[in-house]
């Protein structure tokens, strides 16, 4: 076990291989897996959930987006709270909130309670997600931090591979409710291990209070935009309510940016908007993760409702993506050192777009090998080329001491892209009312959504080709070079290691 070196003193740094190091790694892997898995496994349960609760398309969209909304808007605040009040304390608070809201999701009597509980889950995720990697960074000795982060990445990748299948199996043999209730024993294990084995740590320069007003404005802005896109599918894009919500969301977003200019400790420092490479790569991130969010949401529903796949089979459909990323992401990092980021940030989205376009052929009686495995493998190959350079370039776009802030902003941008894209799926695909349970309408919608996602990926590739410069051509320290992904926590806010697909 490990703990503080003495009363009030700094924690003793851990070396790889010590028993205490294994327990700290276990606590952070299990906690991060809770958040990562919940963002994907719930999609598999949507058809069963909708049939059981009598939920329409808009309600089912909110089951996904209520979680994504609070997580995207509050993840930077969560990192700031951990730096100021203690990372273990905020991590435990996040796990506890996540577990309590998971229990409420599993017991929800109707879709309204479920959506509110999902929003609470997102709050818990926003607290635990940035704190987990910050704990690893603060707990391990400098020479062992990269190894600890690498082990964390590999183990959470295994969880990402196994989770959708387990979630689909639970839906098939038990109930969609167990997708949420299975979180409870995992959360209990995290709390027990963390309280006994994880040392407390805080960030430097934590005198200023976290930017709660700015975070509240961001929640309201994203909430209004999400509501506007969701209601537009029912009322029509030109109806007064969605137009008013979208306009209000844009005004609130402008108010958020104005507030950040005067906030003592802004969650989004205005100076970042003057960093050209940082802005460009985050715009590419927004496009890429909008495509991923919409495609992953629509694909698992289409496989079940249209193609007749079982929930476990639908969960396994995306396994090639995870396997390719686990096997080849480190090699892509080495390749980037030779080619620079622009070539991979161009080729990756283009290849992923080809996979998305091929998936658009899905229909009744689709075969696994030709209609699912081949296009998903092409799509996964594109993501493998893309994700590591995207994260590394974002981190390298700012000085090393701001790696945590760079990663946190990129994480929030990625989640925002997915949030808004999923909200737009019913509008783009014409799935108003109970469309997610109608095979014909779901099939027709997916035939539209998949090419749109391919277009977003192509736009990201074009943006990278035109505006991401080769290493050494950006001015200022650590600009644009193919640096490896840096763990958060050196300075600034701890926002996580970058977005997870």
Protein backbone atom coordinates (compact mmCIF):
# COMPACT_ATOMS: atom_id res chain seq x y z
CA UNK A 1 0.00 0.00 0.00
CA UNK A 2 1.01 3.60 -0.27
CA UNK A 3 0.11 6.89 1.22
CA UNK A 4 1.49 10.21 2.39
CA UNK A 5 5.10 10.29 3.45
CA UNK A 6 4.11 11.92 6.66
CA UNK A 7 1.36 14.02 8.26
CA UNK A 8 0.69 16.88 5.88
CA UNK A 9 3.62 15.90 3.70
CA UNK A 10 3.69 15.08 0.00
CA UNK A 11 2.88 11.52 -1.05
CA UNK A 12 5.71 9.08 -1.59
CA UNK A 13 6.19 8.56 -5.32
CA UNK A 14 5.68 5.00 -6.55
CA UNK A 15 8.03 2.83 -8.55
CA UNK A 16 6.79 0.36 -11.14
CA UNK A 17 6.31 -3.15 -9.76
CA UNK A 18 5.59 -2.19 -6.18
CA UNK A 19 2.32 -3.56 -4.75
CA UNK A 20 1.06 -0.04 -4.13
CA UNK A 21 1.66 0.85 -7.78
CA UNK A 22 -0.52 -2.03 -8.93
CA UNK A 23 -3.37 -0.93 -6.68
CA UNK A 24 -3.22 2.69 -7.88
CA UNK A 25 -3.25 1.46 -11.48
CA UNK A 26 -6.19 -0.84 -10.74
CA UNK A 27 -8.21 1.98 -9.18
CA UNK A 28 -7.68 4.33 -12.12
CA UNK A 29 -8.32 1.66 -14.78
CA UNK A 30 -11.57 0.49 -13.18
CA UNK A 31 -12.82 4.05 -12.67
CA UNK A 32 -11.97 5.15 -16.19
CA UNK A 33 -13.58 2.02 -17.61
CA UNK A 34 -16.86 3.02 -15.95
CA UNK A 35 -16.98 6.26 -17.90
CA UNK A 36 -15.58 4.95 -21.19
CA UNK A 37 -17.88 1.93 -21.38
CA UNK A 38 -21.02 3.80 -20.47
CA UNK A 39 -20.51 6.08 -23.45
CA UNK A 40 -20.72 3.12 -25.86
CA UNK A 41 -22.57 0.20 -24.25
CA UNK A 42 -25.79 2.16 -23.75
CA UNK A 43 -26.19 2.49 -27.54
CA UNK A 44 -26.55 -1.29 -27.79
CA UNK A 45 -29.40 -1.27 -25.26
CA UNK A 46 -31.44 1.44 -27.02
CA UNK A 47 -33.82 -0.80 -29.03
CA UNK A 48 -34.64 -2.94 -25.98
CA UNK A 49 -34.88 0.10 -23.74
CA UNK A 50 -37.19 1.91 -26.14
CA UNK A 51 -39.53 -1.06 -26.43
CA UNK A 52 -39.68 -1.56 -22.65
CA UNK A 53 -40.30 2.09 -21.72
CA UNK A 54 -42.29 3.07 -24.80
CA UNK A 55 -39.75 5.76 -25.65
CA UNK A 56 -39.72 7.58 -28.99
CA UNK A 57 -36.74 8.72 -31.01
CA UNK A 58 -36.29 12.06 -29.23
CA UNK A 59 -36.38 10.43 -25.78
CA UNK A 60 -33.88 7.75 -26.80
CA UNK A 61 -31.60 10.41 -28.22
CA UNK A 62 -31.69 12.15 -24.85
CA UNK A 63 -30.78 8.89 -23.09
CA UNK A 64 -27.46 9.16 -24.92
CA UNK A 65 -27.10 12.93 -24.95
CA UNK A 66 -28.00 13.74 -21.34
CA UNK A 67 -24.83 11.91 -20.32
CA UNK A 68 -22.73 13.41 -23.11
CA UNK A 69 -23.98 16.94 -22.38
CA UNK A 70 -22.94 17.18 -18.74
CA UNK A 71 -19.72 15.26 -19.38
CA UNK A 72 -18.64 17.50 -22.28
CA UNK A 73 -19.51 20.76 -20.52
CA UNK A 74 -18.07 19.91 -17.09
CA UNK A 75 -14.95 17.84 -17.79
CA UNK A 76 -12.65 20.89 -17.66
CA UNK A 77 -14.25 22.05 -14.42
CA UNK A 78 -13.73 18.55 -13.05
CA UNK A 79 -10.00 18.80 -13.72
CA UNK A 80 -9.82 22.21 -12.03
CA UNK A 81 -11.71 20.93 -8.97
CA UNK A 82 -9.29 18.02 -8.65
CA UNK A 83 -6.27 20.31 -8.84
CA UNK A 84 -7.69 22.60 -6.16
CA UNK A 85 -9.44 20.27 -3.69
CA UNK A 86 -7.51 17.04 -4.15
CA UNK A 87 -7.57 14.58 -7.03
CA UNK A 88 -8.38 11.52 -4.97
CA UNK A 89 -11.20 13.36 -3.22
CA UNK A 90 -12.77 14.50 -6.49
CA UNK A 91 -12.17 11.08 -8.07
CA UNK A 92 -14.00 9.36 -5.22
CA UNK A 93 -16.80 11.92 -5.42
CA UNK A 94 -17.12 11.29 -9.17
CA UNK A 95 -17.20 7.50 -8.74
CA UNK A 96 -19.82 7.80 -5.98
CA UNK A 97 -22.05 10.10 -8.06
CA UNK A 98 -21.62 7.80 -11.04
CA UNK A 99 -22.59 4.72 -9.02
CA UNK A 100 -25.63 6.34 -7.40
CA UNK A 101 -26.91 7.62 -10.74
CA UNK A 102 -26.24 4.22 -12.35
CA UNK A 103 -28.48 2.62 -9.73
CA UNK A 104 -31.18 5.18 -10.52
CA UNK A 105 -30.80 4.45 -14.27
CA UNK A 106 -31.20 0.74 -13.64
CA UNK A 107 -34.31 1.26 -11.53
CA UNK A 108 -35.85 4.07 -13.61
CA UNK A 109 -39.64 3.64 -13.93
CA UNK A 110 -39.87 5.80 -17.06
CA UNK A 111 -37.71 7.51 -19.62
CA UNK A 112 -37.86 10.93 -17.90
CA UNK A 113 -36.23 9.58 -14.75
CA UNK A 114 -33.72 7.71 -16.89
CA UNK A 115 -32.68 10.86 -18.77
CA UNK A 116 -32.23 12.82 -15.53
CA UNK A 117 -30.19 9.98 -14.06
CA UNK A 118 -28.04 9.89 -17.19
CA UNK A 119 -27.33 13.61 -16.78
CA UNK A 120 -26.19 12.90 -13.22
CA UNK A 121 -23.99 10.09 -14.55
CA UNK A 122 -22.32 12.63 -16.83
CA UNK A 123 -21.55 14.85 -13.83
CA UNK A 124 -19.88 11.89 -12.13
CA UNK A 125 -17.96 11.11 -15.30
CA UNK A 126 -16.77 14.72 -15.60
CA UNK A 127 -15.33 14.50 -12.09
CA UNK A 128 -13.64 11.11 -12.37
CA UNK A 129 -12.36 11.24 -15.97
CA UNK A 130 -9.72 13.98 -15.60
CA UNK A 131 -8.78 12.96 -12.05
CA UNK A 132 -7.86 9.38 -12.98
CA UNK A 133 -4.86 10.18 -15.20
CA UNK A 134 -3.87 13.09 -12.98
CA UNK A 135 -3.62 10.60 -10.09
CA UNK A 136 -1.30 8.40 -12.14
CA UNK A 137 0.84 11.39 -13.09
CA UNK A 138 1.11 12.57 -9.48
CA UNK A 139 1.57 9.11 -7.90
CA UNK A 140 4.35 7.58 -9.99
CA UNK A 141 8.01 8.54 -10.08
CA UNK A 142 8.95 10.48 -13.24
CA UNK A 143 10.84 7.56 -14.80
CA UNK A 144 7.80 5.27 -14.43
CA UNK A 145 4.99 7.62 -15.48
CA UNK A 146 5.07 6.75 -19.17
CA UNK A 147 4.94 3.05 -18.33
CA UNK A 148 1.98 3.58 -16.00
CA UNK A 149 0.10 5.65 -18.59
CA UNK A 150 0.83 2.99 -21.22
CA UNK A 151 -0.49 0.23 -18.97
CA UNK A 152 -3.58 2.30 -18.24
CA UNK A 153 -4.17 2.80 -21.98
CA UNK A 154 -3.79 -0.90 -22.75
CA UNK A 155 -6.03 -2.10 -19.93
CA UNK A 156 -8.78 0.42 -20.67
CA UNK A 157 -8.51 -0.64 -24.32
CA UNK A 158 -9.17 -4.23 -23.30
CA UNK A 159 -12.19 -3.04 -21.33
CA UNK A 160 -13.39 -1.14 -24.38
CA UNK A 161 -13.09 -4.31 -26.46
CA UNK A 162 -14.89 -6.59 -23.99
CA UNK A 163 -17.51 -4.14 -22.71
CA UNK A 164 -19.83 -3.89 -25.73
CA UNK A 165 -20.06 -7.68 -25.99
CA UNK A 166 -20.78 -8.04 -22.26
CA UNK A 167 -23.35 -5.24 -22.47
CA UNK A 168 -25.06 -6.87 -25.43
CA UNK A 169 -25.08 -10.23 -23.64
CA UNK A 170 -26.69 -8.65 -20.56
CA UNK A 171 -29.40 -7.07 -22.73
CA UNK A 172 -30.12 -10.40 -24.39
CA UNK A 173 -30.13 -12.74 -21.37
CA UNK A 174 -31.37 -10.37 -18.67
CA UNK A 175 -32.46 -6.77 -19.24
CA UNK A 176 -31.15 -3.41 -20.43
CA UNK A 177 -31.25 -2.37 -16.77
CA UNK A 178 -28.21 -4.54 -16.04
CA UNK A 179 -26.12 -2.39 -18.39
CA UNK A 180 -26.34 0.22 -15.62
CA UNK A 181 -26.53 -1.98 -12.53
CA UNK A 182 -23.28 -3.78 -13.44
CA UNK A 183 -21.52 -0.49 -12.64
CA UNK A 184 -22.26 -0.82 -8.92
CA UNK A 185 -19.80 -3.58 -7.96
CA UNK A 186 -17.11 -1.99 -10.12
CA UNK A 187 -17.65 1.38 -8.44
CA UNK A 188 -17.54 -0.22 -4.99
CA UNK A 189 -14.18 -1.82 -5.84
CA UNK A 190 -12.83 1.55 -7.01
CA UNK A 191 -13.93 3.28 -3.79
CA UNK A 192 -12.40 0.60 -1.53
CA UNK A 193 -9.08 0.50 -3.40
CA UNK A 194 -8.85 4.29 -3.70
CA UNK A 195 -9.51 4.96 -0.03
CA UNK A 196 -6.89 2.44 1.07
CA UNK A 197 -4.19 2.72 -1.59
CA UNK A 198 -4.36 5.96 -3.61
CA UNK A 199 -2.43 8.95 -2.24
CA UNK A 200 -3.93 12.42 -2.29
CA UNK A 201 -2.39 15.08 -4.52
CA UNK A 202 -3.15 18.62 -5.63
CA UNK A 203 -2.04 20.82 -8.49
CA UNK A 204 0.27 23.78 -8.20
CA UNK A 205 -1.12 27.28 -8.44
CA UNK A 206 -4.60 26.37 -7.21
CA UNK A 207 -5.35 29.65 -5.44
CA UNK A 208 -8.00 30.89 -7.88
CA UNK A 209 -11.47 29.43 -7.55
CA UNK A 210 -12.63 27.15 -10.37
CA UNK A 211 -14.70 28.81 -13.07
CA UNK A 212 -18.17 27.61 -12.03
CA UNK A 213 -20.07 30.45 -13.82
CA UNK A 214 -18.27 29.73 -17.08
CA UNK A 215 -19.01 26.02 -16.81
CA UNK A 216 -22.68 26.77 -16.09
CA UNK A 217 -22.89 28.96 -19.21
CA UNK A 218 -21.34 26.18 -21.26
CA UNK A 219 -23.86 23.62 -19.92
CA UNK A 220 -26.74 25.95 -20.81
CA UNK A 221 -25.32 26.71 -24.26
CA UNK A 222 -24.76 23.08 -25.20
CA UNK A 223 -28.10 22.11 -23.65
CA UNK A 224 -29.98 24.69 -25.73
CA UNK A 225 -28.20 23.64 -28.93
CA UNK A 226 -28.90 19.97 -28.23
CA UNK A 227 -32.57 20.68 -27.47
CA UNK A 228 -32.86 22.73 -30.64
CA UNK A 229 -31.48 19.95 -32.83
CA UNK A 230 -33.62 17.30 -31.12
CA UNK A 231 -36.89 19.23 -31.30
CA UNK A 232 -36.21 20.18 -34.93
CA UNK A 233 -36.75 16.54 -35.90
CA UNK A 234 -40.29 16.66 -34.46
CA UNK A 235 -41.37 20.22 -35.22
CA UNK A 236 -39.33 20.87 -38.35
CA UNK A 237 -36.09 22.88 -38.64
CA UNK A 238 -37.94 26.14 -39.33
CA UNK A 239 -40.38 25.92 -36.42
CA UNK A 240 -40.19 28.70 -33.80
CA UNK A 241 -39.17 26.48 -30.86
CA UNK A 242 -36.08 24.83 -32.37
CA UNK A 243 -35.03 28.08 -34.03
CA UNK A 244 -35.34 29.91 -30.70
CA UNK A 245 -33.39 27.20 -28.87
CA UNK A 246 -30.61 27.19 -31.45
CA UNK A 247 -30.40 30.99 -31.42
CA UNK A 248 -30.40 30.99 -27.62
CA UNK A 249 -27.67 28.36 -27.57
CA UNK A 250 -25.48 30.44 -29.87
CA UNK A 251 -26.06 33.55 -27.72
CA UNK A 252 -25.17 31.61 -24.57
CA UNK A 253 -22.05 30.30 -26.28
CA UNK A 254 -21.06 33.86 -27.14
CA UNK A 255 -21.75 34.83 -23.51
CA UNK A 256 -19.49 31.98 -22.37
CA UNK A 257 -16.63 33.24 -24.57
CA UNK A 258 -17.11 36.80 -23.28
CA UNK A 259 -17.14 35.61 -19.67
CA UNK A 260 -13.93 33.65 -20.21
CA UNK A 261 -12.16 36.92 -21.12
CA UNK A 262 -12.70 38.26 -17.58
CA UNK A 263 -12.83 35.10 -15.45
CA UNK A 264 -9.96 34.82 -12.90
CA UNK A 265 -9.34 31.15 -13.76
CA UNK A 266 -11.17 30.48 -17.06
CA UNK A 267 -11.83 26.89 -18.12
CA UNK A 268 -11.01 28.02 -21.67
CA UNK A 269 -8.27 30.68 -21.53
CA UNK A 270 -8.92 33.16 -24.39
CA UNK A 271 -5.25 33.09 -25.38
CA UNK A 272 -5.76 29.56 -26.72
CA UNK A 273 -7.93 30.92 -29.53
CA UNK A 274 -4.85 32.75 -30.85
CA UNK A 275 -2.87 29.51 -31.18
CA UNK A 276 -3.39 28.67 -34.85
CA UNK A 277 -2.36 25.01 -34.87
CA UNK A 278 -4.29 24.33 -31.66
CA UNK A 279 -7.48 25.81 -33.13
CA UNK A 280 -7.11 23.96 -36.45
CA UNK A 281 -6.56 20.56 -34.86
CA UNK A 282 -9.47 21.08 -32.49
CA UNK A 283 -11.72 21.95 -35.45
CA UNK A 284 -10.61 18.70 -37.07
CA UNK A 285 -11.36 16.93 -33.77
CA UNK A 286 -14.87 18.41 -33.74
CA UNK A 287 -15.55 17.09 -37.26
CA UNK A 288 -14.03 13.65 -36.63
CA UNK A 289 -15.81 13.00 -33.35
CA UNK A 290 -19.10 14.33 -34.69
CA UNK A 291 -18.83 11.64 -37.38
CA UNK A 292 -17.87 8.98 -34.83
CA UNK A 293 -20.67 9.89 -32.44
CA UNK A 294 -23.38 9.81 -35.11
CA UNK A 295 -22.06 6.68 -36.84
CA UNK A 296 -21.60 4.60 -33.67
CA UNK A 297 -25.04 5.66 -32.42
CA UNK A 298 -26.79 4.78 -35.68
CA UNK A 299 -24.79 1.65 -36.54
CA UNK A 300 -25.59 -0.50 -33.49
CA UNK A 301 -29.28 0.42 -33.77
CA UNK A 302 -29.32 -0.37 -37.50
CA UNK A 303 -27.60 -3.71 -37.00
CA UNK A 304 -30.30 -4.80 -34.56
CA UNK A 305 -33.44 -3.21 -36.00
CA UNK A 306 -32.69 -3.56 -39.73
CA UNK A 307 -30.14 -6.38 -40.16
CA UNK A 308 -31.52 -8.56 -37.34
CA UNK A 309 -28.28 -8.87 -35.36
CA UNK A 310 -28.56 -9.89 -31.71
CA UNK A 311 -27.37 -7.34 -29.10
CA UNK A 312 -24.09 -9.26 -28.45
CA UNK A 313 -23.41 -9.51 -32.19
CA UNK A 314 -24.08 -5.79 -32.63
CA UNK A 315 -21.67 -5.10 -29.77
CA UNK A 316 -18.97 -7.21 -31.43
CA UNK A 317 -19.40 -5.42 -34.76
CA UNK A 318 -17.04 -2.62 -33.68
CA UNK A 319 -14.43 -4.97 -32.21
CA UNK A 320 -12.07 -4.61 -35.22
CA UNK A 321 -11.74 -0.89 -34.45
CA UNK A 322 -10.54 -1.58 -30.92
CA UNK A 323 -8.22 -4.43 -31.97
CA UNK A 324 -6.55 -2.35 -34.69
CA UNK A 325 -6.00 0.56 -32.33
CA UNK A 326 -4.57 -1.68 -29.60
CA UNK A 327 -2.19 -3.39 -32.01
CA UNK A 328 -0.99 -0.50 -34.13
CA UNK A 329 -1.42 2.83 -32.30
CA UNK A 330 2.14 2.76 -30.94
CA UNK A 331 3.49 2.02 -34.43
CA UNK A 332 1.54 4.94 -35.83
CA UNK A 333 3.19 7.11 -33.18
CA UNK A 334 6.61 5.97 -34.42
CA UNK A 335 5.55 6.56 -38.04
CA UNK A 336 4.50 10.10 -37.20
CA UNK A 337 8.03 10.87 -36.06
CA UNK A 338 9.17 10.23 -39.64
CA UNK A 339 6.27 11.67 -41.62
CA UNK A 340 5.01 14.47 -39.40
CA UNK A 341 1.36 14.86 -38.43
CA UNK A 342 -0.14 16.33 -41.60
CA UNK A 343 0.11 13.20 -43.78
CA UNK A 344 -1.54 10.99 -41.16
CA UNK A 345 -4.17 13.59 -40.22
CA UNK A 346 -5.09 13.69 -43.91
CA UNK A 347 -4.92 9.99 -44.79
CA UNK A 348 -6.63 8.78 -41.59
CA UNK A 349 -9.93 10.68 -42.04
CA UNK A 350 -10.04 9.84 -45.76
CA UNK A 351 -9.66 6.11 -45.08
CA UNK A 352 -12.23 6.27 -42.26
CA UNK A 353 -14.60 8.10 -44.63
CA UNK A 354 -14.29 5.22 -47.10
CA UNK A 355 -15.27 2.78 -44.34
CA UNK A 356 -18.25 4.93 -43.33
CA UNK A 357 -19.42 5.13 -46.95
CA UNK A 358 -19.19 1.33 -47.30
CA UNK A 359 -21.26 0.89 -44.14
CA UNK A 360 -24.04 2.87 -45.78
CA UNK A 361 -24.95 -0.27 -47.77
CA UNK A 362 -26.29 -2.03 -44.66
CA UNK A 363 -29.79 -3.40 -45.11
CA UNK A 364 -32.05 -6.36 -44.32
CA UNK A 365 -30.23 -9.67 -44.46
CA UNK A 366 -26.78 -8.03 -44.33
CA UNK A 367 -23.91 -10.49 -44.00
CA UNK A 368 -21.29 -10.01 -41.33
CA UNK A 369 -18.11 -10.42 -43.41
CA UNK A 370 -18.82 -8.26 -46.48
CA UNK A 371 -21.31 -5.79 -45.06
CA UNK A 372 -19.88 -5.28 -41.56
CA UNK A 373 -16.38 -6.70 -41.04
CA UNK A 374 -14.78 -5.27 -44.19
CA UNK A 375 -16.12 -1.68 -43.88
CA UNK A 376 -15.58 -1.58 -40.10
CA UNK A 377 -11.98 -2.76 -40.61
CA UNK A 378 -11.39 -0.04 -43.21
CA UNK A 379 -12.98 2.47 -40.84
CA UNK A 380 -10.85 1.23 -37.93
CA UNK A 381 -7.67 1.45 -40.00
CA UNK A 382 -8.44 5.10 -40.68
CA UNK A 383 -9.06 5.78 -37.00
CA UNK A 384 -5.82 4.05 -36.09
CA UNK A 385 -3.91 6.36 -38.42
CA UNK A 386 -5.77 9.36 -37.05
CA UNK A 387 -6.26 9.22 -33.27
CA UNK A 388 -2.65 9.12 -32.04
CA UNK A 389 -1.45 11.97 -34.32
CA UNK A 390 -4.52 14.01 -33.41
CA UNK A 391 -3.85 13.77 -29.68
CA UNK A 392 -0.09 14.24 -30.01
CA UNK A 393 -0.44 17.28 -32.29
CA UNK A 394 -2.91 18.95 -29.94
CA UNK A 395 -0.50 18.47 -27.05
CA UNK A 396 2.48 19.64 -29.08
CA UNK A 397 0.59 22.77 -30.22
CA UNK A 398 1.06 24.32 -26.75
CA UNK A 399 4.11 24.50 -24.50
CA UNK A 400 4.73 21.32 -22.50
CA UNK A 401 3.66 22.93 -19.24
CA UNK A 402 0.13 23.33 -20.63
CA UNK A 403 -0.27 19.72 -21.78
CA UNK A 404 -3.04 19.02 -19.28
CA UNK A 405 -5.04 22.04 -20.44
CA UNK A 406 -4.50 21.18 -24.12
CA UNK A 407 -5.66 17.62 -23.56
CA UNK A 408 -8.66 18.69 -21.51
CA UNK A 409 -9.89 21.18 -24.12
CA UNK A 410 -9.45 18.59 -26.87
CA UNK A 411 -11.39 16.05 -24.80
CA UNK A 412 -14.25 18.51 -24.31
CA UNK A 413 -14.28 19.44 -28.02
CA UNK A 414 -14.45 15.78 -29.02
CA UNK A 415 -17.33 15.04 -26.68
CA UNK A 416 -19.16 18.18 -27.83
CA UNK A 417 -18.86 17.05 -31.44
CA UNK A 418 -20.38 13.67 -30.59
CA UNK A 419 -23.12 15.28 -28.49
CA UNK A 420 -24.33 17.63 -31.22
CA UNK A 421 -24.04 15.00 -33.94
CA UNK A 422 -26.17 12.45 -32.08
CA UNK A 423 -28.75 15.17 -31.42
CA UNK A 424 -28.86 15.85 -35.16
CA UNK A 425 -29.28 12.19 -36.24
CA UNK A 426 -33.13 12.17 -36.00
CA UNK A 427 -33.31 15.42 -37.99
CA UNK A 428 -30.85 14.32 -40.69
CA UNK A 429 -32.32 10.82 -40.95
CA UNK A 430 -36.00 11.76 -40.65
CA UNK A 431 -36.54 9.65 -37.52
CA UNK A 432 -39.20 11.66 -35.72
CA UNK A 433 -41.63 9.88 -33.41
CA UNK A 434 -40.97 6.17 -32.91
CA UNK A 435 -38.58 5.87 -35.84
CA UNK A 436 -35.88 3.94 -33.99
CA UNK A 437 -38.09 0.84 -33.84
CA UNK A 438 -39.23 0.85 -37.48
CA UNK A 439 -36.86 -1.24 -39.67
CA UNK A 440 -37.71 0.55 -42.90
CA UNK A 441 -37.26 4.05 -41.48
CA UNK A 442 -34.07 3.14 -39.61
CA UNK A 443 -32.63 1.63 -42.79
CA UNK A 444 -33.50 4.70 -44.84
CA UNK A 445 -32.08 6.98 -42.17
CA UNK A 446 -28.78 5.08 -41.95
CA UNK A 447 -28.41 5.29 -45.72
CA UNK A 448 -28.37 9.09 -45.22
CA UNK A 449 -26.42 9.31 -41.94
CA UNK A 450 -23.48 7.14 -43.07
CA UNK A 451 -22.61 9.31 -46.12
CA UNK A 452 -22.98 12.47 -44.02
CA UNK A 453 -20.49 11.03 -41.53
CA UNK A 454 -18.17 10.20 -44.42
CA UNK A 455 -18.45 13.83 -45.55
CA UNK A 456 -17.52 15.11 -42.08
CA UNK A 457 -14.44 12.89 -42.07
CA UNK A 458 -13.43 14.06 -45.54
CA UNK A 459 -13.81 17.67 -44.37
CA UNK A 460 -11.49 16.93 -41.43
CA UNK A 461 -8.92 15.42 -43.79
CA UNK A 462 -9.10 18.41 -46.14
CA UNK A 463 -8.77 20.84 -43.22
CA UNK A 464 -5.66 19.00 -42.01
CA UNK A 465 -4.14 18.86 -45.50
CA UNK A 466 -4.55 22.61 -45.97
CA UNK A 467 -3.83 24.03 -42.53
CA UNK A 468 -1.73 21.61 -40.45
CA UNK A 469 1.88 22.45 -41.13
CA UNK A 470 4.82 20.09 -41.03
CA UNK A 471 6.98 19.93 -37.87
CA UNK A 472 9.09 22.96 -37.22
CA UNK A 473 7.08 25.36 -39.37
CA UNK A 474 4.95 26.73 -36.53
CA UNK A 475 6.39 29.52 -34.44
CA UNK A 476 6.76 29.24 -30.72
CA UNK A 477 7.79 26.42 -28.44
CA UNK A 478 6.67 22.87 -29.09
CA UNK A 479 4.48 23.78 -32.04
CA UNK A 480 3.28 21.09 -34.39
CA UNK A 481 6.07 18.63 -33.74
CA UNK A 482 5.38 14.95 -33.56
CA UNK A 483 5.75 14.74 -29.82
CA UNK A 484 4.35 11.72 -28.00
CA UNK A 485 1.20 12.19 -26.02
CA UNK A 486 2.00 13.77 -22.66
CA UNK A 487 0.12 12.79 -19.56
CA UNK A 488 -1.74 15.58 -17.82
CA UNK A 489 -0.86 17.12 -14.53
CA UNK A 490 2.46 18.89 -15.14
CA UNK A 491 0.87 22.27 -15.08
CA UNK A 492 -2.54 23.67 -15.77
CA UNK A 493 -5.72 21.68 -15.57
CA UNK A 494 -5.85 17.95 -15.93
CA UNK A 495 -8.32 17.15 -18.62
CA UNK A 496 -7.53 13.58 -19.51
CA UNK A 497 -5.22 12.08 -22.09
CA UNK A 498 -7.29 13.03 -25.05
CA UNK A 499 -10.65 11.90 -26.32
CA UNK A 500 -11.55 8.26 -26.40
CA UNK A 501 -13.25 7.01 -29.50
